Amino acid sequence: MEKLIHMGFDINFKSCDKKDIIHLVNVSKQFYPEHYAHIWQNNDPSYYINLSFTSKAIEEDFKNDNIVYFLVQNSNQILGILKIRNHKSVSNYSKTDALQLEKIYLLKASTGLGIGKKAIEFTKDYAISLHKKIIWLDVMTTSPALHFYQKVGFKTIEHYNLDYPKLKDNYREMQRMILVI
C-alpha cells in the first residue's frame, strides 16, 4: 500500500461482525510483522500471530459480547484495526468505569498521518457513549507508540513483563496506561 500523502481523507471505523473475520485476519497478518517482527527471535512473529490473529482466535473473540472490533478504513481501504473490551477493570477502576483498548494497530504506510489520533478520538467517543470514566491500554516500553500515547494524554500506572516464548528479552517490559475521559 502506498503512503497516504495528505490528511484530507475521511477515516471511518467500521464495526465488525463475523463476516469481517477474513479482513481482520488479513490486515493483522500484514501489520503485525511490519511493526513487530524484530522483537521476536529469528524475526519470526508467528507465535503471536497464531495466538491472536487467526480465524479461530478472532471467532472466539466474537463469542464474547464484551469484545468489539472495528476496521479502520479510508474509502473502503483497510488501514488497521481496533479491538476493545467494553467492560474491563484496571487498577482502582471497576469494569463499569473502565474500557480497555486492547489492540490498536495500523499498517505501516498509515502511521504518522494522524490516523492514530483519530482512532483515539473515536475510542474516547465510544467510551463516553458507554459512560466510561477511563480508557486503558498496554504498550511495550520500547514501542514508538508509547510517546504517542503520552502525547494524547495517557499516563503510566504500572509496569510488567511479558512471558511469551521466543520474545527477545529487551522487548518484554510493558506499561499499563490510563486516559481519564
N, C-alpha and C. Protein backbone atom coordinates (compact mmCIF):
# COMPACT_ATOMS: atom_id res chain seq x y z
N MET A 1 0.85 -1.18 0.00
CA MET A 1 0.00 0.00 0.00
C MET A 1 0.89 1.23 0.00
N GLU A 2 0.56 2.21 -0.80
CA GLU A 2 1.35 3.43 -0.86
C GLU A 2 1.07 4.31 0.35
N LYS A 3 2.07 5.08 0.71
CA LYS A 3 1.92 6.04 1.80
C LYS A 3 0.87 7.07 1.41
N LEU A 4 -0.09 7.32 2.29
CA LEU A 4 -1.10 8.35 2.02
C LEU A 4 -0.44 9.70 2.16
N ILE A 5 -0.69 10.59 1.25
CA ILE A 5 0.07 11.83 1.16
C ILE A 5 -0.47 12.95 2.04
N HIS A 6 -1.76 13.05 2.22
CA HIS A 6 -2.32 14.19 2.95
C HIS A 6 -3.39 13.74 3.93
N MET A 7 -3.79 14.65 4.80
CA MET A 7 -4.81 14.32 5.80
C MET A 7 -6.20 14.74 5.36
N GLY A 8 -6.41 15.04 4.11
CA GLY A 8 -7.71 15.46 3.63
C GLY A 8 -8.63 14.29 3.35
N PHE A 9 -8.32 13.12 3.85
CA PHE A 9 -9.14 11.95 3.59
C PHE A 9 -10.00 11.62 4.81
N ASP A 10 -11.10 10.94 4.54
CA ASP A 10 -12.01 10.55 5.61
C ASP A 10 -11.61 9.19 6.16
N ILE A 11 -11.53 9.12 7.45
CA ILE A 11 -11.27 7.86 8.13
C ILE A 11 -12.58 7.43 8.77
N ASN A 12 -12.92 6.16 8.64
CA ASN A 12 -14.09 5.67 9.36
C ASN A 12 -13.74 4.41 10.11
N PHE A 13 -14.57 4.10 11.06
CA PHE A 13 -14.36 2.96 11.94
C PHE A 13 -15.57 2.05 11.79
N LYS A 14 -15.38 0.96 11.08
CA LYS A 14 -16.47 0.05 10.78
C LYS A 14 -16.58 -1.01 11.86
N SER A 15 -17.72 -1.06 12.50
CA SER A 15 -17.99 -2.10 13.48
C SER A 15 -18.00 -3.45 12.77
N CYS A 16 -17.32 -4.43 13.33
CA CYS A 16 -17.16 -5.72 12.67
C CYS A 16 -18.14 -6.76 13.20
N ASP A 17 -18.42 -7.70 12.34
CA ASP A 17 -19.13 -8.90 12.74
C ASP A 17 -18.40 -10.10 12.14
N LYS A 18 -18.98 -11.27 12.25
CA LYS A 18 -18.28 -12.48 11.80
C LYS A 18 -17.92 -12.45 10.32
N LYS A 19 -18.67 -11.69 9.52
CA LYS A 19 -18.37 -11.60 8.09
C LYS A 19 -17.04 -10.88 7.85
N ASP A 20 -16.56 -10.14 8.85
CA ASP A 20 -15.32 -9.38 8.70
C ASP A 20 -14.08 -10.13 9.19
N ILE A 21 -14.25 -11.34 9.65
CA ILE A 21 -13.11 -12.09 10.21
C ILE A 21 -11.97 -12.18 9.21
N ILE A 22 -12.26 -12.50 7.96
CA ILE A 22 -11.20 -12.64 6.96
C ILE A 22 -10.44 -11.33 6.78
N HIS A 23 -11.14 -10.19 6.82
CA HIS A 23 -10.47 -8.89 6.71
C HIS A 23 -9.59 -8.64 7.94
N LEU A 24 -10.10 -8.97 9.12
CA LEU A 24 -9.32 -8.78 10.35
C LEU A 24 -8.06 -9.64 10.32
N VAL A 25 -8.19 -10.87 9.89
CA VAL A 25 -7.04 -11.78 9.81
C VAL A 25 -6.02 -11.25 8.79
N ASN A 26 -6.50 -10.89 7.61
CA ASN A 26 -5.58 -10.46 6.54
C ASN A 26 -4.81 -9.20 6.92
N VAL A 27 -5.50 -8.18 7.43
CA VAL A 27 -4.80 -6.94 7.78
C VAL A 27 -3.86 -7.18 8.97
N SER A 28 -4.26 -8.04 9.90
CA SER A 28 -3.42 -8.34 11.06
C SER A 28 -2.13 -9.04 10.65
N LYS A 29 -2.25 -9.95 9.72
CA LYS A 29 -1.06 -10.67 9.25
C LYS A 29 -0.15 -9.77 8.42
N GLN A 30 -0.66 -8.62 8.01
CA GLN A 30 0.20 -7.65 7.32
C GLN A 30 0.84 -6.70 8.32
N PHE A 31 0.03 -6.05 9.20
CA PHE A 31 0.61 -5.02 10.05
C PHE A 31 1.48 -5.57 11.16
N TYR A 32 1.15 -6.73 11.70
CA TYR A 32 1.93 -7.20 12.85
C TYR A 32 3.39 -7.44 12.47
N PRO A 33 3.69 -8.18 11.41
CA PRO A 33 5.11 -8.34 11.04
C PRO A 33 5.78 -7.03 10.63
N GLU A 34 5.03 -6.12 10.01
CA GLU A 34 5.60 -4.83 9.61
C GLU A 34 6.19 -4.09 10.81
N HIS A 35 5.49 -4.16 11.93
CA HIS A 35 5.88 -3.40 13.11
C HIS A 35 6.65 -4.22 14.15
N TYR A 36 6.44 -5.53 14.20
CA TYR A 36 6.91 -6.29 15.35
C TYR A 36 7.76 -7.51 15.06
N ALA A 37 8.08 -7.82 13.82
CA ALA A 37 8.92 -8.99 13.55
C ALA A 37 10.24 -8.90 14.31
N HIS A 38 10.80 -7.69 14.42
CA HIS A 38 12.12 -7.51 15.03
C HIS A 38 12.17 -7.84 16.52
N ILE A 39 11.04 -7.93 17.19
CA ILE A 39 11.05 -8.20 18.64
C ILE A 39 11.06 -9.70 18.95
N TRP A 40 10.95 -10.52 17.91
CA TRP A 40 10.90 -11.97 18.08
C TRP A 40 12.21 -12.60 17.62
N GLN A 41 12.59 -13.68 18.27
CA GLN A 41 13.78 -14.41 17.84
C GLN A 41 13.62 -14.81 16.38
N ASN A 42 14.70 -14.71 15.63
CA ASN A 42 14.73 -15.01 14.19
C ASN A 42 13.72 -14.18 13.39
N ASN A 43 13.32 -13.03 13.95
CA ASN A 43 12.33 -12.16 13.28
C ASN A 43 11.06 -12.93 12.89
N ASP A 44 10.68 -13.88 13.73
CA ASP A 44 9.53 -14.75 13.44
C ASP A 44 8.40 -14.48 14.44
N PRO A 45 7.42 -13.66 14.03
CA PRO A 45 6.32 -13.32 14.94
C PRO A 45 5.18 -14.34 14.93
N SER A 46 5.41 -15.52 14.37
CA SER A 46 4.31 -16.49 14.20
C SER A 46 3.66 -16.89 15.53
N TYR A 47 4.42 -16.92 16.63
CA TYR A 47 3.80 -17.27 17.92
C TYR A 47 2.63 -16.32 18.22
N TYR A 48 2.86 -15.02 18.15
CA TYR A 48 1.82 -14.06 18.49
C TYR A 48 0.72 -14.02 17.42
N ILE A 49 1.10 -14.13 16.17
CA ILE A 49 0.10 -14.16 15.10
C ILE A 49 -0.83 -15.35 15.30
N ASN A 50 -0.26 -16.52 15.61
CA ASN A 50 -1.08 -17.72 15.83
C ASN A 50 -1.92 -17.61 17.10
N LEU A 51 -1.45 -16.85 18.07
CA LEU A 51 -2.19 -16.65 19.31
C LEU A 51 -3.37 -15.69 19.12
N SER A 52 -3.17 -14.63 18.35
CA SER A 52 -4.13 -13.53 18.31
C SER A 52 -4.82 -13.28 16.98
N PHE A 53 -4.23 -13.67 15.88
CA PHE A 53 -4.71 -13.20 14.58
C PHE A 53 -5.10 -14.31 13.60
N THR A 54 -5.55 -15.43 14.12
CA THR A 54 -6.08 -16.47 13.25
C THR A 54 -7.60 -16.36 13.20
N SER A 55 -8.20 -16.99 12.22
CA SER A 55 -9.66 -17.01 12.15
C SER A 55 -10.24 -17.60 13.43
N LYS A 56 -9.63 -18.66 13.92
CA LYS A 56 -10.14 -19.32 15.13
C LYS A 56 -10.07 -18.37 16.33
N ALA A 57 -8.95 -17.66 16.50
CA ALA A 57 -8.81 -16.75 17.64
C ALA A 57 -9.84 -15.62 17.57
N ILE A 58 -10.04 -15.08 16.40
CA ILE A 58 -10.99 -13.96 16.25
C ILE A 58 -12.42 -14.47 16.38
N GLU A 59 -12.70 -15.67 15.87
CA GLU A 59 -14.03 -16.27 16.07
C GLU A 59 -14.34 -16.41 17.55
N GLU A 60 -13.34 -16.83 18.32
CA GLU A 60 -13.54 -16.94 19.78
C GLU A 60 -13.86 -15.59 20.39
N ASP A 61 -13.18 -14.54 19.94
CA ASP A 61 -13.47 -13.19 20.43
C ASP A 61 -14.92 -12.81 20.15
N PHE A 62 -15.43 -13.17 18.97
CA PHE A 62 -16.80 -12.81 18.62
C PHE A 62 -17.84 -13.54 19.48
N LYS A 63 -17.44 -14.60 20.16
CA LYS A 63 -18.35 -15.29 21.09
C LYS A 63 -18.48 -14.53 22.40
N ASN A 64 -17.60 -13.56 22.62
CA ASN A 64 -17.59 -12.77 23.86
C ASN A 64 -18.26 -11.42 23.58
N ASP A 65 -19.41 -11.20 24.18
CA ASP A 65 -20.16 -9.96 23.96
C ASP A 65 -19.42 -8.72 24.45
N ASN A 66 -18.41 -8.92 25.26
CA ASN A 66 -17.65 -7.79 25.81
C ASN A 66 -16.58 -7.27 24.84
N ILE A 67 -16.28 -8.03 23.79
CA ILE A 67 -15.23 -7.68 22.83
C ILE A 67 -15.85 -7.17 21.54
N VAL A 68 -15.34 -6.03 21.06
CA VAL A 68 -15.77 -5.50 19.77
C VAL A 68 -14.53 -5.16 18.94
N TYR A 69 -14.65 -5.34 17.64
CA TYR A 69 -13.61 -4.98 16.70
C TYR A 69 -14.13 -3.89 15.78
N PHE A 70 -13.21 -3.03 15.36
CA PHE A 70 -13.50 -2.03 14.35
C PHE A 70 -12.40 -2.08 13.31
N LEU A 71 -12.78 -2.02 12.04
CA LEU A 71 -11.81 -1.83 10.97
C LEU A 71 -11.60 -0.33 10.79
N VAL A 72 -10.36 0.09 10.76
CA VAL A 72 -10.01 1.48 10.47
C VAL A 72 -9.88 1.55 8.95
N GLN A 73 -10.69 2.42 8.33
CA GLN A 73 -10.76 2.43 6.87
C GLN A 73 -10.67 3.83 6.29
N ASN A 74 -10.28 3.87 5.04
CA ASN A 74 -10.30 5.08 4.23
C ASN A 74 -10.86 4.67 2.87
N SER A 75 -12.04 5.16 2.53
CA SER A 75 -12.66 4.83 1.23
C SER A 75 -12.62 3.33 0.97
N ASN A 76 -13.04 2.56 1.94
CA ASN A 76 -13.09 1.09 1.86
C ASN A 76 -11.73 0.41 1.79
N GLN A 77 -10.66 1.17 1.99
CA GLN A 77 -9.32 0.58 2.09
C GLN A 77 -9.05 0.38 3.58
N ILE A 78 -8.72 -0.83 3.96
CA ILE A 78 -8.48 -1.14 5.37
C ILE A 78 -7.08 -0.67 5.75
N LEU A 79 -7.00 0.13 6.81
CA LEU A 79 -5.74 0.71 7.27
C LEU A 79 -5.27 0.11 8.59
N GLY A 80 -6.18 -0.55 9.32
CA GLY A 80 -5.83 -1.10 10.61
C GLY A 80 -7.05 -1.61 11.35
N ILE A 81 -6.85 -1.91 12.64
CA ILE A 81 -7.94 -2.42 13.46
C ILE A 81 -7.89 -1.82 14.87
N LEU A 82 -9.04 -1.86 15.51
CA LEU A 82 -9.17 -1.61 16.94
C LEU A 82 -9.85 -2.83 17.55
N LYS A 83 -9.38 -3.26 18.70
CA LYS A 83 -10.05 -4.30 19.48
C LYS A 83 -10.30 -3.70 20.85
N ILE A 84 -11.56 -3.69 21.25
CA ILE A 84 -11.96 -3.05 22.51
C ILE A 84 -12.68 -4.05 23.40
N ARG A 85 -12.34 -4.01 24.67
CA ARG A 85 -13.11 -4.73 25.69
C ARG A 85 -13.95 -3.66 26.40
N ASN A 86 -15.25 -3.73 26.19
CA ASN A 86 -16.15 -2.69 26.68
C ASN A 86 -16.13 -2.50 28.19
N HIS A 87 -16.00 -3.58 28.91
CA HIS A 87 -16.08 -3.53 30.37
C HIS A 87 -14.92 -4.35 30.93
N LYS A 88 -13.84 -3.67 31.33
CA LYS A 88 -12.65 -4.38 31.80
C LYS A 88 -12.00 -3.55 32.90
N SER A 89 -12.03 -4.06 34.11
CA SER A 89 -11.47 -3.34 35.25
C SER A 89 -9.95 -3.23 35.14
N VAL A 90 -9.42 -2.21 35.81
CA VAL A 90 -7.98 -2.00 35.86
C VAL A 90 -7.69 -1.18 37.11
N SER A 91 -6.65 -1.53 37.83
CA SER A 91 -6.21 -0.77 38.98
C SER A 91 -7.38 -0.46 39.90
N ASN A 92 -7.64 0.81 40.16
CA ASN A 92 -8.72 1.21 41.06
C ASN A 92 -10.04 1.49 40.34
N TYR A 93 -10.16 1.07 39.09
CA TYR A 93 -11.36 1.32 38.31
C TYR A 93 -12.11 0.02 38.03
N SER A 94 -13.40 0.04 38.29
CA SER A 94 -14.23 -1.15 38.05
C SER A 94 -14.50 -1.31 36.56
N LYS A 95 -15.02 -2.48 36.20
CA LYS A 95 -15.36 -2.70 34.79
C LYS A 95 -16.49 -1.78 34.34
N THR A 96 -17.26 -1.26 35.27
CA THR A 96 -18.30 -0.28 34.94
C THR A 96 -17.68 1.02 34.48
N ASP A 97 -16.54 1.38 35.06
CA ASP A 97 -15.88 2.66 34.77
C ASP A 97 -14.82 2.58 33.67
N ALA A 98 -14.34 1.37 33.36
CA ALA A 98 -13.15 1.24 32.51
C ALA A 98 -13.43 0.47 31.22
N LEU A 99 -12.81 0.95 30.15
CA LEU A 99 -12.83 0.32 28.84
C LEU A 99 -11.38 0.05 28.44
N GLN A 100 -11.10 -1.15 27.96
CA GLN A 100 -9.74 -1.47 27.52
C GLN A 100 -9.63 -1.37 26.01
N LEU A 101 -8.70 -0.56 25.55
CA LEU A 101 -8.31 -0.54 24.14
C LEU A 101 -7.22 -1.61 24.02
N GLU A 102 -7.65 -2.83 23.73
CA GLU A 102 -6.73 -3.96 23.77
C GLU A 102 -5.75 -3.96 22.59
N LYS A 103 -6.25 -3.58 21.42
CA LYS A 103 -5.38 -3.54 20.24
C LYS A 103 -5.72 -2.31 19.42
N ILE A 104 -4.69 -1.60 19.05
CA ILE A 104 -4.80 -0.50 18.09
C ILE A 104 -3.59 -0.65 17.18
N TYR A 105 -3.86 -1.13 15.98
CA TYR A 105 -2.79 -1.40 15.04
C TYR A 105 -3.12 -0.76 13.70
N LEU A 106 -2.12 -0.14 13.10
CA LEU A 106 -2.25 0.44 11.77
C LEU A 106 -1.18 -0.14 10.86
N LEU A 107 -1.51 -0.25 9.58
CA LEU A 107 -0.50 -0.64 8.61
C LEU A 107 0.63 0.40 8.63
N LYS A 108 1.83 -0.03 8.38
CA LYS A 108 2.99 0.86 8.45
C LYS A 108 2.81 2.10 7.56
N ALA A 109 2.24 1.93 6.38
CA ALA A 109 2.03 3.05 5.46
C ALA A 109 1.01 4.06 5.99
N SER A 110 0.25 3.67 7.01
CA SER A 110 -0.79 4.55 7.57
C SER A 110 -0.34 5.25 8.85
N THR A 111 0.87 5.02 9.29
CA THR A 111 1.34 5.64 10.52
C THR A 111 1.90 7.02 10.24
N GLY A 112 1.85 7.88 11.26
CA GLY A 112 2.40 9.22 11.15
C GLY A 112 1.53 10.19 10.38
N LEU A 113 0.27 9.82 10.14
CA LEU A 113 -0.62 10.65 9.32
C LEU A 113 -1.80 11.22 10.12
N GLY A 114 -1.80 11.00 11.43
CA GLY A 114 -2.91 11.49 12.24
C GLY A 114 -4.04 10.48 12.40
N ILE A 115 -3.89 9.31 11.81
CA ILE A 115 -4.95 8.30 11.90
C ILE A 115 -5.03 7.74 13.32
N GLY A 116 -3.89 7.55 13.97
CA GLY A 116 -3.89 7.08 15.35
C GLY A 116 -4.62 8.04 16.26
N LYS A 117 -4.41 9.33 16.05
CA LYS A 117 -5.10 10.34 16.86
C LYS A 117 -6.61 10.25 16.63
N LYS A 118 -7.01 10.06 15.38
CA LYS A 118 -8.44 9.90 15.09
C LYS A 118 -8.98 8.64 15.74
N ALA A 119 -8.17 7.59 15.79
CA ALA A 119 -8.59 6.34 16.43
C ALA A 119 -8.79 6.54 17.93
N ILE A 120 -7.90 7.31 18.56
CA ILE A 120 -8.06 7.59 19.99
C ILE A 120 -9.31 8.44 20.22
N GLU A 121 -9.55 9.43 19.38
CA GLU A 121 -10.76 10.26 19.50
C GLU A 121 -12.01 9.40 19.33
N PHE A 122 -11.99 8.50 18.35
CA PHE A 122 -13.11 7.59 18.16
C PHE A 122 -13.32 6.75 19.42
N THR A 123 -12.23 6.21 19.96
CA THR A 123 -12.33 5.37 21.15
C THR A 123 -12.87 6.16 22.33
N LYS A 124 -12.42 7.41 22.48
CA LYS A 124 -12.96 8.27 23.55
C LYS A 124 -14.46 8.44 23.39
N ASP A 125 -14.92 8.79 22.19
CA ASP A 125 -16.35 8.98 21.94
C ASP A 125 -17.12 7.70 22.22
N TYR A 126 -16.56 6.58 21.81
CA TYR A 126 -17.19 5.28 22.05
C TYR A 126 -17.28 5.02 23.55
N ALA A 127 -16.20 5.28 24.28
CA ALA A 127 -16.18 5.07 25.73
C ALA A 127 -17.20 5.98 26.42
N ILE A 128 -17.28 7.22 25.99
CA ILE A 128 -18.26 8.15 26.56
C ILE A 128 -19.68 7.64 26.33
N SER A 129 -19.93 7.07 25.15
CA SER A 129 -21.26 6.53 24.87
C SER A 129 -21.62 5.38 25.81
N LEU A 130 -20.60 4.72 26.37
CA LEU A 130 -20.81 3.64 27.34
C LEU A 130 -20.70 4.14 28.78
N HIS A 131 -20.59 5.46 28.95
CA HIS A 131 -20.50 6.10 30.27
C HIS A 131 -19.26 5.68 31.06
N LYS A 132 -18.15 5.52 30.35
CA LYS A 132 -16.89 5.14 30.99
C LYS A 132 -16.17 6.37 31.52
N LYS A 133 -15.32 6.14 32.52
CA LYS A 133 -14.52 7.22 33.09
C LYS A 133 -13.08 7.19 32.59
N ILE A 134 -12.62 6.00 32.20
CA ILE A 134 -11.25 5.87 31.70
C ILE A 134 -11.17 4.88 30.54
N ILE A 135 -10.13 5.07 29.74
CA ILE A 135 -9.70 4.10 28.73
C ILE A 135 -8.32 3.63 29.19
N TRP A 136 -8.06 2.35 29.08
CA TRP A 136 -6.72 1.87 29.42
C TRP A 136 -6.19 0.97 28.32
N LEU A 137 -4.86 0.89 28.28
CA LEU A 137 -4.19 0.04 27.30
C LEU A 137 -2.83 -0.37 27.85
N ASP A 138 -2.25 -1.34 27.19
CA ASP A 138 -0.89 -1.79 27.48
C ASP A 138 -0.02 -1.51 26.26
N VAL A 139 1.21 -1.09 26.50
CA VAL A 139 2.14 -0.79 25.41
C VAL A 139 3.55 -1.21 25.84
N MET A 140 4.31 -1.70 24.89
CA MET A 140 5.71 -2.03 25.18
C MET A 140 6.48 -0.77 25.50
N THR A 141 7.33 -0.85 26.50
CA THR A 141 8.16 0.29 26.88
C THR A 141 9.05 0.73 25.72
N THR A 142 9.43 -0.21 24.85
CA THR A 142 10.30 0.10 23.71
C THR A 142 9.54 0.56 22.47
N SER A 143 8.23 0.59 22.53
CA SER A 143 7.42 0.93 21.35
C SER A 143 7.42 2.42 21.06
N PRO A 144 7.57 2.80 19.80
CA PRO A 144 7.41 4.21 19.43
C PRO A 144 6.01 4.74 19.79
N ALA A 145 5.03 3.85 19.87
CA ALA A 145 3.66 4.26 20.21
C ALA A 145 3.57 4.82 21.63
N LEU A 146 4.50 4.45 22.50
CA LEU A 146 4.47 4.94 23.89
C LEU A 146 4.45 6.47 23.91
N HIS A 147 5.29 7.11 23.13
CA HIS A 147 5.34 8.57 23.10
C HIS A 147 4.06 9.16 22.55
N PHE A 148 3.47 8.49 21.56
CA PHE A 148 2.18 8.93 21.02
C PHE A 148 1.11 8.90 22.11
N TYR A 149 1.04 7.80 22.85
CA TYR A 149 0.03 7.68 23.90
C TYR A 149 0.22 8.76 24.97
N GLN A 150 1.48 9.01 25.33
CA GLN A 150 1.75 10.07 26.30
C GLN A 150 1.28 11.43 25.76
N LYS A 151 1.54 11.68 24.49
CA LYS A 151 1.17 12.95 23.87
C LYS A 151 -0.34 13.17 23.87
N VAL A 152 -1.12 12.10 23.72
CA VAL A 152 -2.58 12.25 23.69
C VAL A 152 -3.20 12.13 25.08
N GLY A 153 -2.34 12.04 26.12
CA GLY A 153 -2.85 12.15 27.48
C GLY A 153 -2.84 10.90 28.35
N PHE A 154 -2.38 9.77 27.82
CA PHE A 154 -2.31 8.56 28.65
C PHE A 154 -1.19 8.69 29.67
N LYS A 155 -1.42 8.15 30.87
CA LYS A 155 -0.43 8.16 31.95
C LYS A 155 -0.15 6.72 32.38
N THR A 156 1.12 6.42 32.61
CA THR A 156 1.52 5.08 33.05
C THR A 156 1.13 4.88 34.50
N ILE A 157 0.49 3.72 34.78
CA ILE A 157 0.12 3.39 36.16
C ILE A 157 0.88 2.18 36.70
N GLU A 158 1.46 1.38 35.81
CA GLU A 158 2.27 0.25 36.26
C GLU A 158 3.09 -0.32 35.13
N HIS A 159 4.07 -1.14 35.50
CA HIS A 159 4.93 -1.86 34.56
C HIS A 159 4.81 -3.35 34.85
N TYR A 160 4.99 -4.16 33.82
CA TYR A 160 5.06 -5.62 34.00
C TYR A 160 5.80 -6.20 32.81
N ASN A 161 6.12 -7.48 32.88
CA ASN A 161 6.86 -8.14 31.81
C ASN A 161 6.02 -9.22 31.15
N LEU A 162 6.15 -9.32 29.84
CA LEU A 162 5.52 -10.40 29.07
C LEU A 162 6.35 -11.66 29.23
N ASP A 163 5.68 -12.81 29.20
CA ASP A 163 6.42 -14.06 29.31
C ASP A 163 6.25 -14.94 28.07
N TYR A 164 6.00 -14.33 26.91
CA TYR A 164 5.84 -15.10 25.68
C TYR A 164 7.14 -15.80 25.30
N PRO A 165 7.05 -17.06 24.88
CA PRO A 165 8.24 -17.73 24.39
C PRO A 165 8.72 -17.08 23.08
N LYS A 166 10.02 -17.08 22.89
CA LYS A 166 10.67 -16.56 21.69
C LYS A 166 10.63 -15.04 21.55
N LEU A 167 10.08 -14.35 22.54
CA LEU A 167 10.14 -12.88 22.55
C LEU A 167 11.52 -12.49 23.06
N LYS A 168 12.19 -11.59 22.37
CA LYS A 168 13.51 -11.15 22.80
C LYS A 168 13.39 -10.44 24.16
N ASP A 169 14.37 -10.70 25.03
CA ASP A 169 14.31 -10.20 26.41
C ASP A 169 14.15 -8.70 26.52
N ASN A 170 14.79 -7.93 25.65
CA ASN A 170 14.73 -6.48 25.78
C ASN A 170 13.40 -5.89 25.28
N TYR A 171 12.44 -6.74 24.91
CA TYR A 171 11.12 -6.29 24.49
C TYR A 171 10.00 -6.80 25.40
N ARG A 172 10.35 -7.27 26.57
CA ARG A 172 9.36 -7.86 27.47
C ARG A 172 8.62 -6.83 28.34
N GLU A 173 9.26 -5.69 28.62
CA GLU A 173 8.64 -4.75 29.56
C GLU A 173 7.47 -4.01 28.91
N MET A 174 6.37 -4.02 29.64
CA MET A 174 5.14 -3.37 29.20
C MET A 174 4.77 -2.26 30.19
N GLN A 175 4.01 -1.29 29.70
CA GLN A 175 3.46 -0.25 30.56
C GLN A 175 1.94 -0.29 30.42
N ARG A 176 1.27 -0.26 31.53
CA ARG A 176 -0.18 -0.12 31.55
C ARG A 176 -0.47 1.37 31.71
N MET A 177 -1.31 1.89 30.83
CA MET A 177 -1.57 3.32 30.80
C MET A 177 -3.08 3.58 30.86
N ILE A 178 -3.44 4.70 31.47
CA ILE A 178 -4.86 5.10 31.50
C ILE A 178 -5.02 6.52 30.97
N LEU A 179 -6.19 6.74 30.41
CA LEU A 179 -6.59 8.06 29.94
C LEU A 179 -7.93 8.37 30.60
N VAL A 180 -7.95 9.39 31.45
CA VAL A 180 -9.18 9.81 32.09
C VAL A 180 -9.99 10.62 31.06
N ILE A 181 -11.26 10.28 30.94
CA ILE A 181 -12.10 10.99 29.95
C ILE A 181 -13.26 11.72 30.63
